[in-house]
Amino acid sequence: MCRCRISAWVRGSELPQGGSYRLLTPAEVAEWLQVSELTIKNKYRAWGLKPQKVGRLLRFRERDVVAYLNSNYG
């Protein structure tokens, strides 16, 4: 995913009001934040990202990731 699209998401120009409820895998979040998937799995609690469990799988709401980015880097 290109950085220009990511920065547009962070600014909220492509998201509906309040963001999207789309669920992202740890790999997708890792690509978005440009860190490893293992870092996401180890640090999401410390960063305050709220996980959604789908069975035993870990998922993150897109709007929660956007809110985290806006509050910490926005």
N, C-alpha and C. Protein backbone atom coordinates (compact mmCIF):
# COMPACT_ATOMS: atom_id res chain seq x y z
N MET A 1 0.85 -1.17 0.00
CA MET A 1 0.00 0.00 0.00
C MET A 1 0.90 1.23 0.00
N CYS A 2 0.60 2.18 -0.83
CA CYS A 2 1.47 3.35 -0.93
C CYS A 2 1.24 4.31 0.23
N ARG A 3 2.28 5.06 0.56
CA ARG A 3 2.21 5.99 1.68
C ARG A 3 1.18 7.09 1.46
N CYS A 4 0.99 7.51 0.19
CA CYS A 4 0.04 8.60 -0.06
C CYS A 4 -1.38 8.17 0.34
N ARG A 5 -1.72 6.94 0.09
CA ARG A 5 -3.06 6.45 0.47
C ARG A 5 -3.19 6.34 1.98
N ILE A 6 -2.10 5.89 2.64
CA ILE A 6 -2.12 5.77 4.09
C ILE A 6 -2.29 7.13 4.73
N SER A 7 -1.54 8.12 4.26
CA SER A 7 -1.64 9.45 4.86
C SER A 7 -3.03 10.04 4.63
N ALA A 8 -3.65 9.72 3.51
CA ALA A 8 -5.02 10.19 3.27
C ALA A 8 -5.98 9.54 4.26
N TRP A 9 -5.77 8.25 4.56
CA TRP A 9 -6.61 7.58 5.54
C TRP A 9 -6.44 8.21 6.91
N VAL A 10 -5.21 8.51 7.28
CA VAL A 10 -4.95 9.08 8.59
C VAL A 10 -5.64 10.43 8.71
N ARG A 11 -5.60 11.22 7.65
CA ARG A 11 -6.27 12.52 7.68
C ARG A 11 -7.78 12.36 7.70
N GLY A 12 -8.27 11.19 7.34
CA GLY A 12 -9.71 10.93 7.39
C GLY A 12 -10.45 11.34 6.14
N SER A 13 -9.75 11.71 5.08
CA SER A 13 -10.43 12.18 3.89
C SER A 13 -11.18 11.07 3.16
N GLU A 14 -10.75 9.82 3.31
CA GLU A 14 -11.39 8.71 2.61
C GLU A 14 -12.30 7.90 3.52
N LEU A 15 -12.28 8.17 4.81
CA LEU A 15 -13.09 7.40 5.73
C LEU A 15 -14.41 8.10 6.00
N PRO A 16 -15.47 7.34 6.21
CA PRO A 16 -16.72 7.97 6.64
C PRO A 16 -16.52 8.59 8.02
N GLN A 17 -17.44 9.44 8.41
CA GLN A 17 -17.34 10.10 9.72
C GLN A 17 -17.10 9.07 10.81
N GLY A 18 -16.02 9.21 11.56
CA GLY A 18 -15.71 8.29 12.64
C GLY A 18 -14.89 7.09 12.20
N GLY A 19 -14.68 6.90 10.91
CA GLY A 19 -13.84 5.81 10.44
C GLY A 19 -14.63 4.59 10.01
N SER A 20 -13.89 3.54 9.72
CA SER A 20 -14.46 2.31 9.19
C SER A 20 -14.43 1.21 10.24
N TYR A 21 -15.41 0.34 10.20
CA TYR A 21 -15.43 -0.81 11.10
C TYR A 21 -14.74 -2.03 10.49
N ARG A 22 -14.09 -1.85 9.34
CA ARG A 22 -13.40 -2.95 8.68
C ARG A 22 -12.36 -3.54 9.62
N LEU A 23 -12.27 -4.86 9.66
CA LEU A 23 -11.32 -5.53 10.52
C LEU A 23 -10.03 -5.80 9.76
N LEU A 24 -8.90 -5.45 10.39
CA LEU A 24 -7.58 -5.64 9.79
C LEU A 24 -6.84 -6.75 10.51
N THR A 25 -6.07 -7.52 9.79
CA THR A 25 -5.22 -8.54 10.40
C THR A 25 -3.99 -7.86 11.00
N PRO A 26 -3.30 -8.53 11.91
CA PRO A 26 -2.05 -7.96 12.42
C PRO A 26 -1.05 -7.67 11.30
N ALA A 27 -1.03 -8.49 10.26
CA ALA A 27 -0.12 -8.25 9.13
C ALA A 27 -0.47 -6.96 8.40
N GLU A 28 -1.77 -6.69 8.21
CA GLU A 28 -2.18 -5.45 7.55
C GLU A 28 -1.84 -4.23 8.39
N VAL A 29 -2.05 -4.33 9.71
CA VAL A 29 -1.71 -3.23 10.60
C VAL A 29 -0.20 -3.01 10.60
N ALA A 30 0.57 -4.10 10.60
CA ALA A 30 2.02 -4.00 10.58
C ALA A 30 2.51 -3.30 9.30
N GLU A 31 1.91 -3.65 8.17
CA GLU A 31 2.28 -3.00 6.91
C GLU A 31 1.94 -1.52 6.96
N TRP A 32 0.78 -1.21 7.51
CA TRP A 32 0.31 0.17 7.60
C TRP A 32 1.24 1.01 8.49
N LEU A 33 1.64 0.45 9.63
CA LEU A 33 2.48 1.17 10.59
C LEU A 33 3.98 1.01 10.30
N GLN A 34 4.30 0.20 9.30
CA GLN A 34 5.67 -0.06 8.88
C GLN A 34 6.52 -0.64 10.01
N VAL A 35 5.95 -1.62 10.68
CA VAL A 35 6.66 -2.40 11.70
C VAL A 35 6.41 -3.87 11.40
N SER A 36 7.04 -4.77 12.14
CA SER A 36 6.82 -6.19 11.90
C SER A 36 5.50 -6.65 12.53
N GLU A 37 5.01 -7.76 12.04
CA GLU A 37 3.79 -8.35 12.59
C GLU A 37 4.00 -8.75 14.05
N LEU A 38 5.18 -9.24 14.36
CA LEU A 38 5.50 -9.61 15.73
C LEU A 38 5.45 -8.40 16.67
N THR A 39 5.90 -7.25 16.19
CA THR A 39 5.82 -6.02 16.99
C THR A 39 4.37 -5.67 17.30
N ILE A 40 3.50 -5.81 16.32
CA ILE A 40 2.06 -5.54 16.55
C ILE A 40 1.52 -6.47 17.62
N LYS A 41 1.82 -7.75 17.49
CA LYS A 41 1.30 -8.73 18.45
C LYS A 41 1.84 -8.51 19.86
N ASN A 42 3.07 -7.99 19.97
CA ASN A 42 3.67 -7.78 21.28
C ASN A 42 3.33 -6.43 21.90
N LYS A 43 3.06 -5.42 21.09
CA LYS A 43 2.94 -4.06 21.59
C LYS A 43 1.53 -3.46 21.55
N TYR A 44 0.54 -4.14 20.95
CA TYR A 44 -0.76 -3.51 20.78
C TYR A 44 -1.38 -3.09 22.10
N ARG A 45 -1.16 -3.83 23.16
CA ARG A 45 -1.72 -3.45 24.47
C ARG A 45 -1.06 -2.17 25.00
N ALA A 46 0.26 -2.11 24.91
CA ALA A 46 0.99 -0.94 25.38
C ALA A 46 0.62 0.30 24.57
N TRP A 47 0.32 0.13 23.29
CA TRP A 47 -0.05 1.25 22.44
C TRP A 47 -1.52 1.64 22.61
N GLY A 48 -2.30 0.82 23.27
CA GLY A 48 -3.71 1.13 23.48
C GLY A 48 -4.62 0.77 22.32
N LEU A 49 -4.15 -0.10 21.42
CA LEU A 49 -5.01 -0.56 20.33
C LEU A 49 -5.95 -1.63 20.86
N LYS A 50 -7.22 -1.48 20.56
CA LYS A 50 -8.23 -2.42 21.05
C LYS A 50 -8.37 -3.57 20.06
N PRO A 51 -8.06 -4.79 20.48
CA PRO A 51 -8.21 -5.92 19.55
C PRO A 51 -9.64 -6.45 19.52
N GLN A 52 -9.98 -7.08 18.44
CA GLN A 52 -11.24 -7.80 18.30
C GLN A 52 -10.87 -9.25 18.06
N LYS A 53 -11.39 -10.14 18.87
CA LYS A 53 -11.12 -11.56 18.67
C LYS A 53 -12.19 -12.14 17.74
N VAL A 54 -11.73 -12.82 16.71
CA VAL A 54 -12.62 -13.54 15.81
C VAL A 54 -12.22 -15.00 15.96
N GLY A 55 -12.97 -15.70 16.81
CA GLY A 55 -12.54 -17.03 17.21
C GLY A 55 -11.26 -16.88 18.01
N ARG A 56 -10.20 -17.49 17.56
CA ARG A 56 -8.93 -17.32 18.25
C ARG A 56 -8.00 -16.36 17.52
N LEU A 57 -8.51 -15.75 16.45
CA LEU A 57 -7.71 -14.84 15.64
C LEU A 57 -7.80 -13.41 16.17
N LEU A 58 -6.73 -12.67 16.03
CA LEU A 58 -6.65 -11.29 16.49
C LEU A 58 -6.90 -10.37 15.30
N ARG A 59 -7.81 -9.42 15.48
CA ARG A 59 -8.12 -8.43 14.44
C ARG A 59 -8.22 -7.06 15.10
N PHE A 60 -8.04 -6.02 14.28
CA PHE A 60 -8.13 -4.65 14.77
C PHE A 60 -9.07 -3.87 13.87
N ARG A 61 -9.92 -3.03 14.46
CA ARG A 61 -10.80 -2.17 13.67
C ARG A 61 -9.96 -1.08 13.03
N GLU A 62 -10.25 -0.82 11.77
CA GLU A 62 -9.54 0.23 11.05
C GLU A 62 -9.70 1.57 11.75
N ARG A 63 -10.89 1.85 12.26
CA ARG A 63 -11.12 3.13 12.93
C ARG A 63 -10.29 3.26 14.20
N ASP A 64 -10.02 2.16 14.90
CA ASP A 64 -9.18 2.22 16.10
C ASP A 64 -7.73 2.52 15.76
N VAL A 65 -7.26 1.95 14.65
CA VAL A 65 -5.89 2.22 14.20
C VAL A 65 -5.76 3.68 13.78
N VAL A 66 -6.75 4.19 13.05
CA VAL A 66 -6.75 5.59 12.64
C VAL A 66 -6.79 6.51 13.85
N ALA A 67 -7.62 6.18 14.84
CA ALA A 67 -7.70 6.99 16.05
C ALA A 67 -6.37 6.99 16.80
N TYR A 68 -5.71 5.83 16.86
CA TYR A 68 -4.39 5.74 17.50
C TYR A 68 -3.39 6.63 16.78
N LEU A 69 -3.35 6.57 15.45
CA LEU A 69 -2.42 7.38 14.68
C LEU A 69 -2.70 8.86 14.84
N ASN A 70 -3.97 9.24 14.82
CA ASN A 70 -4.32 10.66 14.97
C ASN A 70 -3.98 11.18 16.35
N SER A 71 -4.19 10.38 17.37
CA SER A 71 -3.93 10.85 18.74
C SER A 71 -2.44 10.89 19.05
N ASN A 72 -1.65 10.03 18.44
CA ASN A 72 -0.23 9.98 18.76
C ASN A 72 0.67 10.67 17.74
N TYR A 73 0.23 10.76 16.51
CA TYR A 73 1.09 11.30 15.46
C TYR A 73 0.41 12.34 14.60
N GLY A 74 -0.84 12.64 14.90
CA GLY A 74 -1.63 13.45 14.03
C GLY A 74 -1.52 14.88 14.11
